[in-house]
Amino acid sequence: MAEPKEMIERCIATLQMVNEDPMVPRNIRKATDETMKILSDGKKQISLRASLALSKIDEVASDSNMPMHIRTKIWEIASALEAIPLS
């Protein structure tokens, strides 16, 4: 299993890729941008950042306007964030 910090970095990279996809609706881009900011906030513990980011991702995970390939990426991010231990 990867270290929590490494998992956060992977999530940020995937979110960046989602954000740059021209097929992604604006509201989802906004949510992914906010999620990246949450995950990048070094002032908070990693477990808290993961929890807050997961809440933000859950808000848009079932958006009917989301392309399927992006939905898959969002689910991958959610799974990675859920795997970060709460310590």
PDB file of N, CA and C in Angstrom:
ATOM      1  N   MET A   1       0.839  -1.185   0.000  1.00  0.00           N
ATOM      2  CA  MET A   1       0.000   0.000   0.000  1.00  0.00           C
ATOM      3  C   MET A   1       0.883   1.247   0.000  1.00  0.00           C
ATOM      4  N   ALA A   2       0.495   2.208  -0.768  1.00  0.00           N
ATOM      5  CA  ALA A   2       1.252   3.456  -0.883  1.00  0.00           C
ATOM      6  C   ALA A   2       1.089   4.302   0.379  1.00  0.00           C
ATOM      7  N   GLU A   3       2.040   5.162   0.586  1.00  0.00           N
ATOM      8  CA  GLU A   3       1.979   6.090   1.710  1.00  0.00           C
ATOM      9  C   GLU A   3       0.848   7.096   1.481  1.00  0.00           C
ATOM     10  N   PRO A   4       0.205   7.572   2.557  1.00  0.00           N
ATOM     11  CA  PRO A   4      -0.889   8.540   2.393  1.00  0.00           C
ATOM     12  C   PRO A   4      -0.499   9.781   1.588  1.00  0.00           C
ATOM     13  N   LYS A   5       0.707  10.292   1.815  1.00  0.00           N
ATOM     14  CA  LYS A   5       1.141  11.488   1.084  1.00  0.00           C
ATOM     15  C   LYS A   5       1.223  11.200  -0.419  1.00  0.00           C
ATOM     16  N   GLU A   6       1.726  10.019  -0.760  1.00  0.00           N
ATOM     17  CA  GLU A   6       1.826   9.620  -2.167  1.00  0.00           C
ATOM     18  C   GLU A   6       0.433   9.449  -2.779  1.00  0.00           C
ATOM     19  N   MET A   7      -0.488   8.910  -2.004  1.00  0.00           N
ATOM     20  CA  MET A   7      -1.862   8.730  -2.484  1.00  0.00           C
ATOM     21  C   MET A   7      -2.516  10.083  -2.760  1.00  0.00           C
ATOM     22  N   ILE A   8      -2.273  11.042  -1.873  1.00  0.00           N
ATOM     23  CA  ILE A   8      -2.802  12.402  -2.055  1.00  0.00           C
ATOM     24  C   ILE A   8      -2.245  13.008  -3.343  1.00  0.00           C
ATOM     25  N   GLU A   9      -0.949  12.837  -3.571  1.00  0.00           N
ATOM     26  CA  GLU A   9      -0.321  13.385  -4.777  1.00  0.00           C
ATOM     27  C   GLU A   9      -0.913  12.768  -6.042  1.00  0.00           C
ATOM     28  N   ARG A  10      -1.179  11.466  -6.004  1.00  0.00           N
ATOM     29  CA  ARG A  10      -1.804  10.801  -7.156  1.00  0.00           C
ATOM     30  C   ARG A  10      -3.211  11.340  -7.397  1.00  0.00           C
ATOM     31  N   CYS A  11      -3.949  11.545  -6.312  1.00  0.00           N
ATOM     32  CA  CYS A  11      -5.309  12.085  -6.438  1.00  0.00           C
ATOM     33  C   CYS A  11      -5.275  13.478  -7.055  1.00  0.00           C
ATOM     34  N   ILE A  12      -4.340  14.299  -6.615  1.00  0.00           N
ATOM     35  CA  ILE A  12      -4.212  15.650  -7.163  1.00  0.00           C
ATOM     36  C   ILE A  12      -3.888  15.588  -8.653  1.00  0.00           C
ATOM     37  N   ALA A  13      -2.992  14.688  -9.035  1.00  0.00           N
ATOM     38  CA  ALA A  13      -2.633  14.546 -10.454  1.00  0.00           C
ATOM     39  C   ALA A  13      -3.839  14.111 -11.284  1.00  0.00           C
ATOM     40  N   THR A  14      -4.626  13.185 -10.759  1.00  0.00           N
ATOM     41  CA  THR A  14      -5.816  12.723 -11.478  1.00  0.00           C
ATOM     42  C   THR A  14      -6.853  13.835 -11.559  1.00  0.00           C
ATOM     43  N   LEU A  15      -7.024  14.577 -10.479  1.00  0.00           N
ATOM     44  CA  LEU A  15      -7.956  15.703 -10.487  1.00  0.00           C
ATOM     45  C   LEU A  15      -7.523  16.759 -11.504  1.00  0.00           C
ATOM     46  N   GLN A  16      -6.229  16.987 -11.610  1.00  0.00           N
ATOM     47  CA  GLN A  16      -5.712  17.952 -12.589  1.00  0.00           C
ATOM     48  C   GLN A  16      -6.056  17.498 -14.001  1.00  0.00           C
ATOM     49  N   MET A  17      -5.912  16.183 -14.250  1.00  0.00           N
ATOM     50  CA  MET A  17      -6.242  15.641 -15.564  1.00  0.00           C
ATOM     51  C   MET A  17      -7.735  15.831 -15.863  1.00  0.00           C
ATOM     52  N   VAL A  18      -8.574  15.574 -14.865  1.00  0.00           N
ATOM     53  CA  VAL A  18     -10.020  15.761 -15.027  1.00  0.00           C
ATOM     54  C   VAL A  18     -10.319  17.230 -15.309  1.00  0.00           C
ATOM     55  N   ASN A  19      -9.669  18.107 -14.582  1.00  0.00           N
ATOM     56  CA  ASN A  19      -9.887  19.547 -14.733  1.00  0.00           C
ATOM     57  C   ASN A  19      -9.523  20.053 -16.125  1.00  0.00           C
ATOM     58  N   GLU A  20      -8.550  19.426 -16.746  1.00  0.00           N
ATOM     59  CA  GLU A  20      -8.081  19.867 -18.062  1.00  0.00           C
ATOM     60  C   GLU A  20      -8.863  19.255 -19.214  1.00  0.00           C
ATOM     61  N   ASP A  21      -9.745  18.306 -18.927  1.00  0.00           N
ATOM     62  CA  ASP A  21     -10.536  17.654 -19.973  1.00  0.00           C
ATOM     63  C   ASP A  21     -11.629  18.614 -20.445  1.00  0.00           C
ATOM     64  N   PRO A  22     -11.661  18.938 -21.741  1.00  0.00           N
ATOM     65  CA  PRO A  22     -12.657  19.893 -22.241  1.00  0.00           C
ATOM     66  C   PRO A  22     -14.100  19.371 -22.213  1.00  0.00           C
ATOM     67  N   MET A  23     -14.290  18.079 -22.023  1.00  0.00           N
ATOM     68  CA  MET A  23     -15.641  17.510 -21.987  1.00  0.00           C
ATOM     69  C   MET A  23     -16.289  17.602 -20.603  1.00  0.00           C
ATOM     70  N   VAL A  24     -15.518  18.038 -19.617  1.00  0.00           N
ATOM     71  CA  VAL A  24     -16.018  18.106 -18.246  1.00  0.00           C
ATOM     72  C   VAL A  24     -16.824  19.389 -18.055  1.00  0.00           C
ATOM     73  N   PRO A  25     -18.059  19.264 -17.551  1.00  0.00           N
ATOM     74  CA  PRO A  25     -18.876  20.460 -17.291  1.00  0.00           C
ATOM     75  C   PRO A  25     -18.237  21.379 -16.245  1.00  0.00           C
ATOM     76  N   ARG A  26     -18.596  22.646 -16.307  1.00  0.00           N
ATOM     77  CA  ARG A  26     -18.025  23.654 -15.406  1.00  0.00           C
ATOM     78  C   ARG A  26     -18.225  23.347 -13.930  1.00  0.00           C
ATOM     79  N   ASN A  27     -19.407  22.869 -13.564  1.00  0.00           N
ATOM     80  CA  ASN A  27     -19.659  22.617 -12.143  1.00  0.00           C
ATOM     81  C   ASN A  27     -18.753  21.506 -11.606  1.00  0.00           C
ATOM     82  N   ILE A  28     -18.441  20.543 -12.447  1.00  0.00           N
ATOM     83  CA  ILE A  28     -17.557  19.457 -12.027  1.00  0.00           C
ATOM     84  C   ILE A  28     -16.116  19.959 -11.970  1.00  0.00           C
ATOM     85  N   ARG A  29     -15.731  20.799 -12.921  1.00  0.00           N
ATOM     86  CA  ARG A  29     -14.395  21.408 -12.876  1.00  0.00           C
ATOM     87  C   ARG A  29     -14.214  22.228 -11.607  1.00  0.00           C
ATOM     88  N   LYS A  30     -15.250  22.951 -11.248  1.00  0.00           N
ATOM     89  CA  LYS A  30     -15.184  23.763 -10.030  1.00  0.00           C
ATOM     90  C   LYS A  30     -14.984  22.865  -8.810  1.00  0.00           C
ATOM     91  N   ALA A  31     -15.729  21.768  -8.745  1.00  0.00           N
ATOM     92  CA  ALA A  31     -15.610  20.843  -7.616  1.00  0.00           C
ATOM     93  C   ALA A  31     -14.230  20.185  -7.578  1.00  0.00           C
ATOM     94  N   THR A  32     -13.695  19.821  -8.741  1.00  0.00           N
ATOM     95  CA  THR A  32     -12.368  19.203  -8.750  1.00  0.00           C
ATOM     96  C   THR A  32     -11.293  20.220  -8.371  1.00  0.00           C
ATOM     97  N   ASP A  33     -11.475  21.465  -8.776  1.00  0.00           N
ATOM     98  CA  ASP A  33     -10.531  22.516  -8.402  1.00  0.00           C
ATOM     99  C   ASP A  33     -10.549  22.732  -6.891  1.00  0.00           C
ATOM    100  N   GLU A  34     -11.736  22.785  -6.308  1.00  0.00           N
ATOM    101  CA  GLU A  34     -11.860  22.946  -4.856  1.00  0.00           C
ATOM    102  C   GLU A  34     -11.262  21.746  -4.128  1.00  0.00           C
ATOM    103  N   THR A  35     -11.451  20.560  -4.684  1.00  0.00           N
ATOM    104  CA  THR A  35     -10.905  19.348  -4.078  1.00  0.00           C
ATOM    105  C   THR A  35      -9.380  19.375  -4.107  1.00  0.00           C
ATOM    106  N   MET A  36      -8.805  19.840  -5.210  1.00  0.00           N
ATOM    107  CA  MET A  36      -7.343  19.957  -5.289  1.00  0.00           C
ATOM    108  C   MET A  36      -6.815  20.929  -4.234  1.00  0.00           C
ATOM    109  N   LYS A  37      -7.528  22.024  -4.030  1.00  0.00           N
ATOM    110  CA  LYS A  37      -7.108  22.997  -3.015  1.00  0.00           C
ATOM    111  C   LYS A  37      -7.161  22.377  -1.625  1.00  0.00           C
ATOM    112  N   ILE A  38      -8.204  21.609  -1.352  1.00  0.00           N
ATOM    113  CA  ILE A  38      -8.330  20.934  -0.054  1.00  0.00           C
ATOM    114  C   ILE A  38      -7.160  19.975   0.147  1.00  0.00           C
ATOM    115  N   LEU A  39      -6.880  19.169  -0.867  1.00  0.00           N
ATOM    116  CA  LEU A  39      -5.817  18.169  -0.753  1.00  0.00           C
ATOM    117  C   LEU A  39      -4.434  18.805  -0.665  1.00  0.00           C
ATOM    118  N   SER A  40      -4.269  19.984  -1.216  1.00  0.00           N
ATOM    119  CA  SER A  40      -2.969  20.664  -1.217  1.00  0.00           C
ATOM    120  C   SER A  40      -2.713  21.469   0.049  1.00  0.00           C
ATOM    121  N   ASP A  41      -3.706  21.611   0.903  1.00  0.00           N
ATOM    122  CA  ASP A  41      -3.587  22.420   2.117  1.00  0.00           C
ATOM    123  C   ASP A  41      -2.719  21.701   3.153  1.00  0.00           C
ATOM    124  N   GLY A  42      -1.442  22.037   3.181  1.00  0.00           N
ATOM    125  CA  GLY A  42      -0.497  21.389   4.085  1.00  0.00           C
ATOM    126  C   GLY A  42      -0.687  21.732   5.550  1.00  0.00           C
ATOM    127  N   LYS A  43      -1.556  22.670   5.860  1.00  0.00           N
ATOM    128  CA  LYS A  43      -1.793  23.055   7.251  1.00  0.00           C
ATOM    129  C   LYS A  43      -2.658  22.035   7.985  1.00  0.00           C
ATOM    130  N   LYS A  44      -3.404  21.241   7.229  1.00  0.00           N
ATOM    131  CA  LYS A  44      -4.303  20.253   7.832  1.00  0.00           C
ATOM    132  C   LYS A  44      -3.679  18.868   7.753  1.00  0.00           C
ATOM    133  N   GLN A  45      -4.088  17.993   8.670  1.00  0.00           N
ATOM    134  CA  GLN A  45      -3.621  16.607   8.648  1.00  0.00           C
ATOM    135  C   GLN A  45      -4.090  15.924   7.370  1.00  0.00           C
ATOM    136  N   ILE A  46      -3.326  14.943   6.935  1.00  0.00           N
ATOM    137  CA  ILE A  46      -3.655  14.229   5.703  1.00  0.00           C
ATOM    138  C   ILE A  46      -5.019  13.562   5.809  1.00  0.00           C
ATOM    139  N   SER A  47      -5.315  12.963   6.955  1.00  0.00           N
ATOM    140  CA  SER A  47      -6.602  12.274   7.102  1.00  0.00           C
ATOM    141  C   SER A  47      -7.773  13.252   7.013  1.00  0.00           C
ATOM    142  N   LEU A  48      -7.613  14.446   7.560  1.00  0.00           N
ATOM    143  CA  LEU A  48      -8.668  15.460   7.483  1.00  0.00           C
ATOM    144  C   LEU A  48      -8.833  15.947   6.046  1.00  0.00           C
ATOM    145  N   ARG A  49      -7.721  16.172   5.362  1.00  0.00           N
ATOM    146  CA  ARG A  49      -7.786  16.592   3.958  1.00  0.00           C
ATOM    147  C   ARG A  49      -8.492  15.546   3.112  1.00  0.00           C
ATOM    148  N   ALA A  50      -8.163  14.271   3.359  1.00  0.00           N
ATOM    149  CA  ALA A  50      -8.788  13.183   2.597  1.00  0.00           C
ATOM    150  C   ALA A  50     -10.286  13.144   2.853  1.00  0.00           C
ATOM    151  N   SER A  51     -10.682  13.314   4.094  1.00  0.00           N
ATOM    152  CA  SER A  51     -12.099  13.282   4.451  1.00  0.00           C
ATOM    153  C   SER A  51     -12.867  14.444   3.823  1.00  0.00           C
ATOM    154  N   LEU A  52     -12.313  15.637   3.908  1.00  0.00           N
ATOM    155  CA  LEU A  52     -12.962  16.811   3.318  1.00  0.00           C
ATOM    156  C   LEU A  52     -13.047  16.687   1.797  1.00  0.00           C
ATOM    157  N   ALA A  53     -11.974  16.196   1.195  1.00  0.00           N
ATOM    158  CA  ALA A  53     -11.955  16.027  -0.260  1.00  0.00           C
ATOM    159  C   ALA A  53     -12.965  14.976  -0.701  1.00  0.00           C
ATOM    160  N   LEU A  54     -13.077  13.910   0.068  1.00  0.00           N
ATOM    161  CA  LEU A  54     -14.040  12.861  -0.259  1.00  0.00           C
ATOM    162  C   LEU A  54     -15.467  13.405  -0.215  1.00  0.00           C
ATOM    163  N   SER A  55     -15.758  14.243   0.745  1.00  0.00           N
ATOM    164  CA  SER A  55     -17.085  14.864   0.820  1.00  0.00           C
ATOM    165  C   SER A  55     -17.361  15.715  -0.413  1.00  0.00           C
ATOM    166  N   LYS A  56     -16.365  16.470  -0.842  1.00  0.00           N
ATOM    167  CA  LYS A  56     -16.523  17.333  -2.018  1.00  0.00           C
ATOM    168  C   LYS A  56     -16.706  16.488  -3.282  1.00  0.00           C
ATOM    169  N   ILE A  57     -15.946  15.415  -3.408  1.00  0.00           N
ATOM    170  CA  ILE A  57     -16.048  14.526  -4.575  1.00  0.00           C
ATOM    171  C   ILE A  57     -17.411  13.835  -4.603  1.00  0.00           C
ATOM    172  N   ASP A  58     -17.895  13.431  -3.435  1.00  0.00           N
ATOM    173  CA  ASP A  58     -19.202  12.760  -3.360  1.00  0.00           C
ATOM    174  C   ASP A  58     -20.334  13.652  -3.857  1.00  0.00           C
ATOM    175  N   GLU A  59     -20.177  14.957  -3.702  1.00  0.00           N
ATOM    176  CA  GLU A  59     -21.210  15.893  -4.150  1.00  0.00           C
ATOM    177  C   GLU A  59     -21.452  15.810  -5.654  1.00  0.00           C
ATOM    178  N   VAL A  60     -20.411  15.555  -6.418  1.00  0.00           N
ATOM    179  CA  VAL A  60     -20.551  15.540  -7.879  1.00  0.00           C
ATOM    180  C   VAL A  60     -20.463  14.143  -8.490  1.00  0.00           C
ATOM    181  N   ALA A  61     -20.190  13.142  -7.691  1.00  0.00           N
ATOM    182  CA  ALA A  61     -19.969  11.787  -8.221  1.00  0.00           C
ATOM    183  C   ALA A  61     -21.165  11.244  -8.991  1.00  0.00           C
ATOM    184  N   SER A  62     -22.348  11.662  -8.639  1.00  0.00           N
ATOM    185  CA  SER A  62     -23.540  11.138  -9.315  1.00  0.00           C
ATOM    186  C   SER A  62     -24.172  12.152 -10.274  1.00  0.00           C
ATOM    187  N   ASP A  63     -23.439  13.184 -10.621  1.00  0.00           N
ATOM    188  CA  ASP A  63     -23.940  14.197 -11.549  1.00  0.00           C
ATOM    189  C   ASP A  63     -24.247  13.552 -12.901  1.00  0.00           C
ATOM    190  N   SER A  64     -25.458  13.741 -13.383  1.00  0.00           N
ATOM    191  CA  SER A  64     -25.882  13.105 -14.636  1.00  0.00           C
ATOM    192  C   SER A  64     -25.184  13.688 -15.867  1.00  0.00           C
ATOM    193  N   ASN A  65     -24.592  14.863 -15.743  1.00  0.00           N
ATOM    194  CA  ASN A  65     -23.894  15.485 -16.875  1.00  0.00           C
ATOM    195  C   ASN A  65     -22.444  15.027 -17.017  1.00  0.00           C
ATOM    196  N   MET A  66     -21.989  14.208 -16.083  1.00  0.00           N
ATOM    197  CA  MET A  66     -20.592  13.797 -16.097  1.00  0.00           C
ATOM    198  C   MET A  66     -20.342  12.697 -17.135  1.00  0.00           C
ATOM    199  N   PRO A  67     -19.344  12.890 -17.999  1.00  0.00           N
ATOM    200  CA  PRO A  67     -18.996  11.833 -18.957  1.00  0.00           C
ATOM    201  C   PRO A  67     -18.541  10.569 -18.212  1.00  0.00           C
ATOM    202  N   MET A  68     -18.809   9.410 -18.790  1.00  0.00           N
ATOM    203  CA  MET A  68     -18.506   8.147 -18.114  1.00  0.00           C
ATOM    204  C   MET A  68     -17.019   7.983 -17.808  1.00  0.00           C
ATOM    205  N   HIS A  69     -16.144   8.397 -18.709  1.00  0.00           N
ATOM    206  CA  HIS A  69     -14.714   8.217 -18.442  1.00  0.00           C
ATOM    207  C   HIS A  69     -14.260   9.086 -17.266  1.00  0.00           C
ATOM    208  N   ILE A  70     -14.914  10.205 -17.069  1.00  0.00           N
ATOM    209  CA  ILE A  70     -14.600  11.071 -15.930  1.00  0.00           C
ATOM    210  C   ILE A  70     -15.195  10.491 -14.652  1.00  0.00           C
ATOM    211  N   ARG A  71     -16.393   9.936 -14.745  1.00  0.00           N
ATOM    212  CA  ARG A  71     -17.017   9.302 -13.581  1.00  0.00           C
ATOM    213  C   ARG A  71     -16.105   8.193 -13.036  1.00  0.00           C
ATOM    214  N   THR A  72     -15.509   7.425 -13.942  1.00  0.00           N
ATOM    215  CA  THR A  72     -14.593   6.362 -13.531  1.00  0.00           C
ATOM    216  C   THR A  72     -13.402   6.944 -12.777  1.00  0.00           C
ATOM    217  N   LYS A  73     -12.852   8.038 -13.268  1.00  0.00           N
ATOM    218  CA  LYS A  73     -11.728   8.698 -12.586  1.00  0.00           C
ATOM    219  C   LYS A  73     -12.146   9.215 -11.211  1.00  0.00           C
ATOM    220  N   ILE A  74     -13.342   9.776 -11.124  1.00  0.00           N
ATOM    221  CA  ILE A  74     -13.847  10.284  -9.843  1.00  0.00           C
ATOM    222  C   ILE A  74     -13.979   9.137  -8.844  1.00  0.00           C
ATOM    223  N   TRP A  75     -14.481   7.998  -9.302  1.00  0.00           N
ATOM    224  CA  TRP A  75     -14.599   6.830  -8.414  1.00  0.00           C
ATOM    225  C   TRP A  75     -13.224   6.332  -7.965  1.00  0.00           C
ATOM    226  N   GLU A  76     -12.247   6.373  -8.868  1.00  0.00           N
ATOM    227  CA  GLU A  76     -10.882   5.975  -8.508  1.00  0.00           C
ATOM    228  C   GLU A  76     -10.327   6.900  -7.425  1.00  0.00           C
ATOM    229  N   ILE A  77     -10.571   8.179  -7.570  1.00  0.00           N
ATOM    230  CA  ILE A  77     -10.113   9.150  -6.572  1.00  0.00           C
ATOM    231  C   ILE A  77     -10.794   8.883  -5.235  1.00  0.00           C
ATOM    232  N   ALA A  78     -12.103   8.666  -5.269  1.00  0.00           N
ATOM    233  CA  ALA A  78     -12.844   8.395  -4.040  1.00  0.00           C
ATOM    234  C   ALA A  78     -12.309   7.142  -3.349  1.00  0.00           C
ATOM    235  N   SER A  79     -12.027   6.106  -4.108  1.00  0.00           N
ATOM    236  CA  SER A  79     -11.487   4.871  -3.534  1.00  0.00           C
ATOM    237  C   SER A  79     -10.129   5.113  -2.889  1.00  0.00           C
ATOM    238  N   ALA A  80      -9.283   5.883  -3.551  1.00  0.00           N
ATOM    239  CA  ALA A  80      -7.960   6.183  -3.000  1.00  0.00           C
ATOM    240  C   ALA A  80      -8.075   6.994  -1.710  1.00  0.00           C
ATOM    241  N   LEU A  81      -8.989   7.958  -1.691  1.00  0.00           N
ATOM    242  CA  LEU A  81      -9.169   8.780  -0.490  1.00  0.00           C
ATOM    243  C   LEU A  81      -9.731   7.960   0.666  1.00  0.00           C
ATOM    244  N   GLU A  82     -10.616   7.015   0.358  1.00  0.00           N
ATOM    245  CA  GLU A  82     -11.174   6.154   1.401  1.00  0.00           C
ATOM    246  C   GLU A  82     -10.117   5.237   2.000  1.00  0.00           C
ATOM    247  N   ALA A  83      -9.074   4.930   1.245  1.00  0.00           N
ATOM    248  CA  ALA A  83      -8.020   4.027   1.712  1.00  0.00           C
ATOM    249  C   ALA A  83      -7.018   4.715   2.641  1.00  0.00           C
ATOM    250  N   ILE A  84      -7.072   6.028   2.723  1.00  0.00           N
ATOM    251  CA  ILE A  84      -6.146   6.752   3.600  1.00  0.00           C
ATOM    252  C   ILE A  84      -6.605   6.563   5.041  1.00  0.00           C
ATOM    253  N   PRO A  85      -5.706   6.049   5.894  1.00  0.00           N
ATOM    254  CA  PRO A  85      -6.097   5.776   7.285  1.00  0.00           C
ATOM    255  C   PRO A  85      -6.401   7.054   8.067  1.00  0.00           C
ATOM    256  N   LEU A  86      -7.380   6.958   8.932  1.00  0.00           N
ATOM    257  CA  LEU A  86      -7.736   8.077   9.808  1.00  0.00           C
ATOM    258  C   LEU A  86      -6.862   7.999  11.049  1.00  0.00           C
ATOM    259  N   SER A  87      -5.825   8.804  11.079  1.00  0.00           N
ATOM    260  CA  SER A  87      -4.914   8.748  12.224  1.00  0.00           C
ATOM    261  C   SER A  87      -4.762  10.094  12.881  1.00  0.00           C
TER     262      SER A  87
END
